[in-house]
C-alpha atoms as a PDB file:
ATOM      1  CA  MET A   1       0.000   0.000   0.000  1.00  0.00           C
ATOM      2  CA  THR A   2       1.260   3.424  -0.878  1.00  0.00           C
ATOM      3  CA  THR A   3      -0.088   6.530   0.835  1.00  0.00           C
ATOM      4  CA  ARG A   4      -3.453   5.034   1.766  1.00  0.00           C
ATOM      5  CA  ASP A   5      -4.607   5.560   5.336  1.00  0.00           C
ATOM      6  CA  GLN A   6      -4.233   2.169   7.037  1.00  0.00           C
ATOM      7  CA  THR A   7      -7.595   2.546   8.846  1.00  0.00           C
ATOM      8  CA  ARG A   8      -9.580   2.755   5.600  1.00  0.00           C
ATOM      9  CA  PRO A   9     -10.413  -0.530   3.879  1.00  0.00           C
ATOM     10  CA  GLU A  10      -9.395  -1.129   0.279  1.00  0.00           C
ATOM     11  CA  ILE A  11     -12.321  -0.575  -2.053  1.00  0.00           C
ATOM     12  CA  ARG A  12     -12.528  -3.039  -4.943  1.00  0.00           C
ATOM     13  CA  GLY A  13     -14.923  -5.183  -6.964  1.00  0.00           C
ATOM     14  CA  ASN A  14     -18.598  -4.285  -6.757  1.00  0.00           C
ATOM     15  CA  THR A  15     -17.987  -1.695  -4.057  1.00  0.00           C
ATOM     16  CA  LEU A  16     -15.563   0.086  -6.380  1.00  0.00           C
ATOM     17  CA  ARG A  17     -18.106  -0.180  -9.192  1.00  0.00           C
ATOM     18  CA  ALA A  18     -20.702   1.452  -6.910  1.00  0.00           C
ATOM     19  CA  TYR A  19     -18.289   4.298  -6.112  1.00  0.00           C
ATOM     20  CA  VAL A  20     -17.521   4.888  -9.804  1.00  0.00           C
ATOM     21  CA  TYR A  21     -21.260   4.869 -10.552  1.00  0.00           C
ATOM     22  CA  LEU A  22     -21.851   7.504  -7.870  1.00  0.00           C
ATOM     23  CA  LEU A  23     -19.019   9.613  -9.298  1.00  0.00           C
ATOM     24  CA  ARG A  24     -20.514   9.453 -12.789  1.00  0.00           C
ATOM     25  CA  SER A  25     -24.174   9.821 -11.875  1.00  0.00           C
ATOM     26  CA  GLY A  26     -24.116  12.093  -8.871  1.00  0.00           C
ATOM     27  CA  ALA A  27     -26.709  11.684  -6.121  1.00  0.00           C
ATOM     28  CA  SER A  28     -28.436   8.330  -6.629  1.00  0.00           C
ATOM     29  CA  GLU A  29     -31.053   6.327  -4.820  1.00  0.00           C
ATOM     30  CA  LEU A  30     -30.489   2.752  -3.732  1.00  0.00           C
ATOM     31  CA  ARG A  31     -32.664   1.279  -6.488  1.00  0.00           C
ATOM     32  CA  ASP A  32     -30.873   3.352  -9.147  1.00  0.00           C
ATOM     33  CA  VAL A  33     -27.543   1.856  -8.092  1.00  0.00           C
ATOM     34  CA  GLN A  34     -29.036  -1.638  -7.994  1.00  0.00           C
ATOM     35  CA  ARG A  35     -30.487  -1.407 -11.499  1.00  0.00           C
ATOM     36  CA  ALA A  36     -27.500   0.332 -13.085  1.00  0.00           C
ATOM     37  CA  LEU A  37     -24.967  -2.159 -11.723  1.00  0.00           C
ATOM     38  CA  GLY A  38     -27.164  -5.226 -12.197  1.00  0.00           C
ATOM     39  CA  PHE A  39     -27.234  -6.251  -8.537  1.00  0.00           C
ATOM     40  CA  SER A  40     -29.707  -9.051  -7.791  1.00  0.00           C
ATOM     41  CA  SER A  41     -31.371  -7.262  -4.871  1.00  0.00           C
ATOM     42  CA  PRO A  42     -31.540  -3.862  -3.188  1.00  0.00           C
ATOM     43  CA  SER A  43     -29.893  -5.353  -0.097  1.00  0.00           C
ATOM     44  CA  LEU A  44     -26.762  -6.131  -2.127  1.00  0.00           C
ATOM     45  CA  ALA A  45     -26.620  -2.530  -3.342  1.00  0.00           C
ATOM     46  CA  SER A  46     -27.219  -1.375   0.245  1.00  0.00           C
ATOM     47  CA  TYR A  47     -24.332  -3.554   1.450  1.00  0.00           C
ATOM     48  CA  HIS A  48     -21.845  -2.026  -1.010  1.00  0.00           C
ATOM     49  CA  LEU A  49     -23.101   1.518  -0.469  1.00  0.00           C
ATOM     50  CA  GLY A  50     -22.924   0.943   3.283  1.00  0.00           C
ATOM     51  CA  LYS A  51     -19.264  -0.074   2.927  1.00  0.00           C
ATOM     52  CA  LEU A  52     -18.590   3.179   1.074  1.00  0.00           C
ATOM     53  CA  VAL A  53     -20.365   5.260   3.717  1.00  0.00           C
ATOM     54  CA  ALA A  54     -18.594   3.443   6.575  1.00  0.00           C
ATOM     55  CA  ALA A  55     -15.204   4.003   4.926  1.00  0.00           C
ATOM     56  CA  GLY A  56     -15.963   7.693   4.399  1.00  0.00           C
ATOM     57  CA  TYR A  57     -16.000   7.500   0.598  1.00  0.00           C
ATOM     58  CA  ALA A  58     -19.706   8.306   0.227  1.00  0.00           C
ATOM     59  CA  SER A  59     -22.465   9.956   2.217  1.00  0.00           C
ATOM     60  CA  GLN A  60     -26.228   9.867   2.326  1.00  0.00           C
ATOM     61  CA  ASP A  61     -28.145  13.121   1.937  1.00  0.00           C
ATOM     62  CA  GLU A  62     -31.384  14.115   3.681  1.00  0.00           C
ATOM     63  CA  HIS A  63     -33.449  12.506   0.893  1.00  0.00           C
ATOM     64  CA  GLY A  64     -31.732   9.122   1.276  1.00  0.00           C
ATOM     65  CA  ARG A  65     -29.673   9.487  -1.884  1.00  0.00           C
ATOM     66  CA  TYR A  66     -26.053   8.403  -1.913  1.00  0.00           C
ATOM     67  CA  VAL A  67     -23.336  10.816  -3.022  1.00  0.00           C
ATOM     68  CA  ALA A  68     -19.659  10.046  -3.680  1.00  0.00           C
ATOM     69  CA  ILE A  69     -17.213  12.174  -1.756  1.00  0.00           C
ATOM     70  CA  GLN A  70     -15.085  13.815  -4.454  1.00  0.00           C
ATOM     71  CA  ASP A  71     -12.018  14.222  -2.212  1.00  0.00           C
ATOM     72  CA  ALA A  72     -11.704  10.423  -1.987  1.00  0.00           C
ATOM     73  CA  ALA A  73     -11.606   9.944  -5.775  1.00  0.00           C
ATOM     74  CA  ASN A  74      -7.826  10.388  -6.037  1.00  0.00           C
ATOM     75  CA  GLU A  75      -7.221   7.825  -3.321  1.00  0.00           C
ATOM     76  CA  ILE A  76      -9.678   5.223  -4.583  1.00  0.00           C
ATOM     77  CA  LEU A  77      -8.924   5.667  -8.273  1.00  0.00           C
ATOM     78  CA  GLU A  78      -5.146   5.646  -7.862  1.00  0.00           C
ATOM     79  CA  GLY A  79      -3.735   4.235 -11.086  1.00  0.00           C
ATOM     80  CA  TYR A  80      -6.800   5.246 -13.130  1.00  0.00           C
ATOM     81  CA  THR A  81      -7.683   8.229 -15.303  1.00  0.00           C
ATOM     82  CA  LYS A  82     -11.143   9.647 -15.914  1.00  0.00           C
ATOM     83  CA  LEU A  83     -11.674  10.021 -19.639  1.00  0.00           C
ATOM     84  CA  GLY A  84     -15.067  11.593 -20.181  1.00  0.00           C
ATOM     85  CA  GLY A  85     -17.545   9.140 -18.689  1.00  0.00           C
ATOM     86  CA  PHE A  86     -15.028   6.305 -18.596  1.00  0.00           C
ATOM     87  CA  VAL A  87     -12.460   5.305 -16.020  1.00  0.00           C
ATOM     88  CA  VAL A  88      -9.427   3.617 -17.588  1.00  0.00           C
ATOM     89  CA  PRO A  89      -6.089   2.438 -16.186  1.00  0.00           C
ATOM     90  CA  GLN A  90      -3.308   4.993 -16.670  1.00  0.00           C
ATOM     91  CA  LEU A  91      -1.069   2.324 -18.169  1.00  0.00           C
ATOM     92  CA  PHE A  92      -3.657   1.784 -20.901  1.00  0.00           C
ATOM     93  CA  PHE A  93      -2.272   4.768 -22.806  1.00  0.00           C
ATOM     94  CA  PHE A  94       1.311   3.498 -22.548  1.00  0.00           C
ATOM     95  CA  ALA A  95       0.209   0.052 -23.680  1.00  0.00           C
ATOM     96  CA  ILE A  96      -1.438   1.556 -26.770  1.00  0.00           C
ATOM     97  CA  LEU A  97       1.625   3.696 -27.498  1.00  0.00           C
ATOM     98  CA  PHE A  98       4.095   0.833 -27.191  1.00  0.00           C
ATOM     99  CA  THR A  99       1.876  -1.509 -29.190  1.00  0.00           C
ATOM    100  CA  ILE A 100       1.919   1.008 -32.055  1.00  0.00           C
ATOM    101  CA  VAL A 101       5.685   1.574 -31.733  1.00  0.00           C
ATOM    102  CA  VAL A 102       6.395  -2.156 -31.704  1.00  0.00           C
ATOM    103  CA  GLY A 103       4.149  -2.655 -34.725  1.00  0.00           C
ATOM    104  CA  PHE A 104       5.963   0.097 -36.611  1.00  0.00           C
ATOM    105  CA  PHE A 105       9.457  -1.175 -35.783  1.00  0.00           C
ATOM    106  CA  ALA A 106       8.433  -4.727 -36.556  1.00  0.00           C
ATOM    107  CA  PHE A 107       7.390  -3.544 -39.990  1.00  0.00           C
ATOM    108  CA  MET A 108      10.679  -1.638 -40.413  1.00  0.00           C
ATOM    109  CA  ALA A 109      12.678  -4.684 -39.286  1.00  0.00           C
ATOM    110  CA  LEU A 110      11.644  -6.372 -42.495  1.00  0.00           C
ATOM    111  CA  VAL A 111      14.257  -4.187 -44.206  1.00  0.00           C
ATOM    112  CA  TYR A 112      17.064  -4.725 -41.644  1.00  0.00           C
ATOM    113  CA  GLN A 113      17.089  -8.460 -40.976  1.00  0.00           C
ATOM    114  CA  ALA A 114      19.858  -8.412 -38.334  1.00  0.00           C
ATOM    115  CA  TYR A 115      17.704  -6.574 -35.803  1.00  0.00           C
ATOM    116  CA  ILE A 116      14.732  -8.922 -35.951  1.00  0.00           C
ATOM    117  CA  PRO A 117      15.580 -11.243 -32.998  1.00  0.00           C
ATOM    118  CA  LEU A 118      16.459  -8.355 -30.694  1.00  0.00           C
ATOM    119  CA  LEU A 119      13.449  -6.329 -31.750  1.00  0.00           C
ATOM    120  CA  VAL A 120      11.050  -9.217 -31.388  1.00  0.00           C
ATOM    121  CA  GLY A 121      12.358 -10.274 -27.974  1.00  0.00           C
ATOM    122  CA  ALA A 122      12.353  -6.798 -26.472  1.00  0.00           C
ATOM    123  CA  SER A 123       9.077  -5.831 -28.069  1.00  0.00           C
ATOM    124  CA  VAL A 124       7.148  -8.895 -27.013  1.00  0.00           C
ATOM    125  CA  ALA A 125       8.436  -8.612 -23.441  1.00  0.00           C
ATOM    126  CA  MET A 126       7.553  -4.909 -23.257  1.00  0.00           C
ATOM    127  CA  VAL A 127       4.068  -5.349 -24.688  1.00  0.00           C
ATOM    128  CA  MET A 128       3.323  -8.337 -22.446  1.00  0.00           C
ATOM    129  CA  VAL A 129       4.363  -6.433 -19.308  1.00  0.00           C
ATOM    130  CA  PHE A 130       2.260  -3.392 -20.156  1.00  0.00           C
ATOM    131  CA  TRP A 131      -0.846  -5.349 -21.084  1.00  0.00           C
ATOM    132  CA  TYR A 132      -0.466  -7.511 -17.956  1.00  0.00           C
ATOM    133  CA  GLU A 133      -0.356  -4.381 -15.790  1.00  0.00           C
ATOM    134  CA  VAL A 134      -3.341  -2.850 -17.598  1.00  0.00           C
ATOM    135  CA  ALA A 135      -5.370  -6.041 -17.097  1.00  0.00           C
ATOM    136  CA  ARG A 136      -4.355  -6.252 -13.424  1.00  0.00           C
ATOM    137  CA  VAL A 137      -5.433  -2.685 -12.700  1.00  0.00           C
ATOM    138  CA  TRP A 138      -8.578  -2.999 -14.809  1.00  0.00           C
ATOM    139  CA  ARG A 139      -9.581  -6.190 -12.986  1.00  0.00           C
ATOM    140  CA  ARG A 140      -9.503  -4.199  -9.740  1.00  0.00           C
ATOM    141  CA  LEU A 141     -12.166  -1.917 -11.167  1.00  0.00           C
ATOM    142  CA  ALA A 142     -14.227  -4.938 -12.305  1.00  0.00           C
ATOM    143  CA  SER A 143     -16.600  -2.835 -14.407  1.00  0.00           C
ATOM    144  CA  TRP A 144     -16.539  -4.905 -17.589  1.00  0.00           C
ATOM    145  CA  LYS A 145     -20.252  -5.700 -17.361  1.00  0.00           C
END
């Protein structure tokens, strides 16, 4: 763990999905969260929202709607970038960049045969590491549904 306060639990999985939904949608009622995230029952949505409230990442207003606390977004979404309405891993951009660079140099290596083994070895290793890290961080968000 990096700079996270040790007393706050790590938010992941469906609880993280609920937080991201609240960030995107603003004040939301329990049933709205349940329907939007495909939870099987309101009690499941209440459980995840309750975890967010207990950890101090969300609050409930006087009308019973849940609101994400904006100050917590940097802590919870560490390693992610908000891109419009989407939340993507920061390494996603590097993975795209290096995939394009490797594709370009692989094409150019057709002209200079001596560099092919070195290029292929380094390129494959680099691309595999970046995509592994992107998948690992994205799995934490678990919002593929």
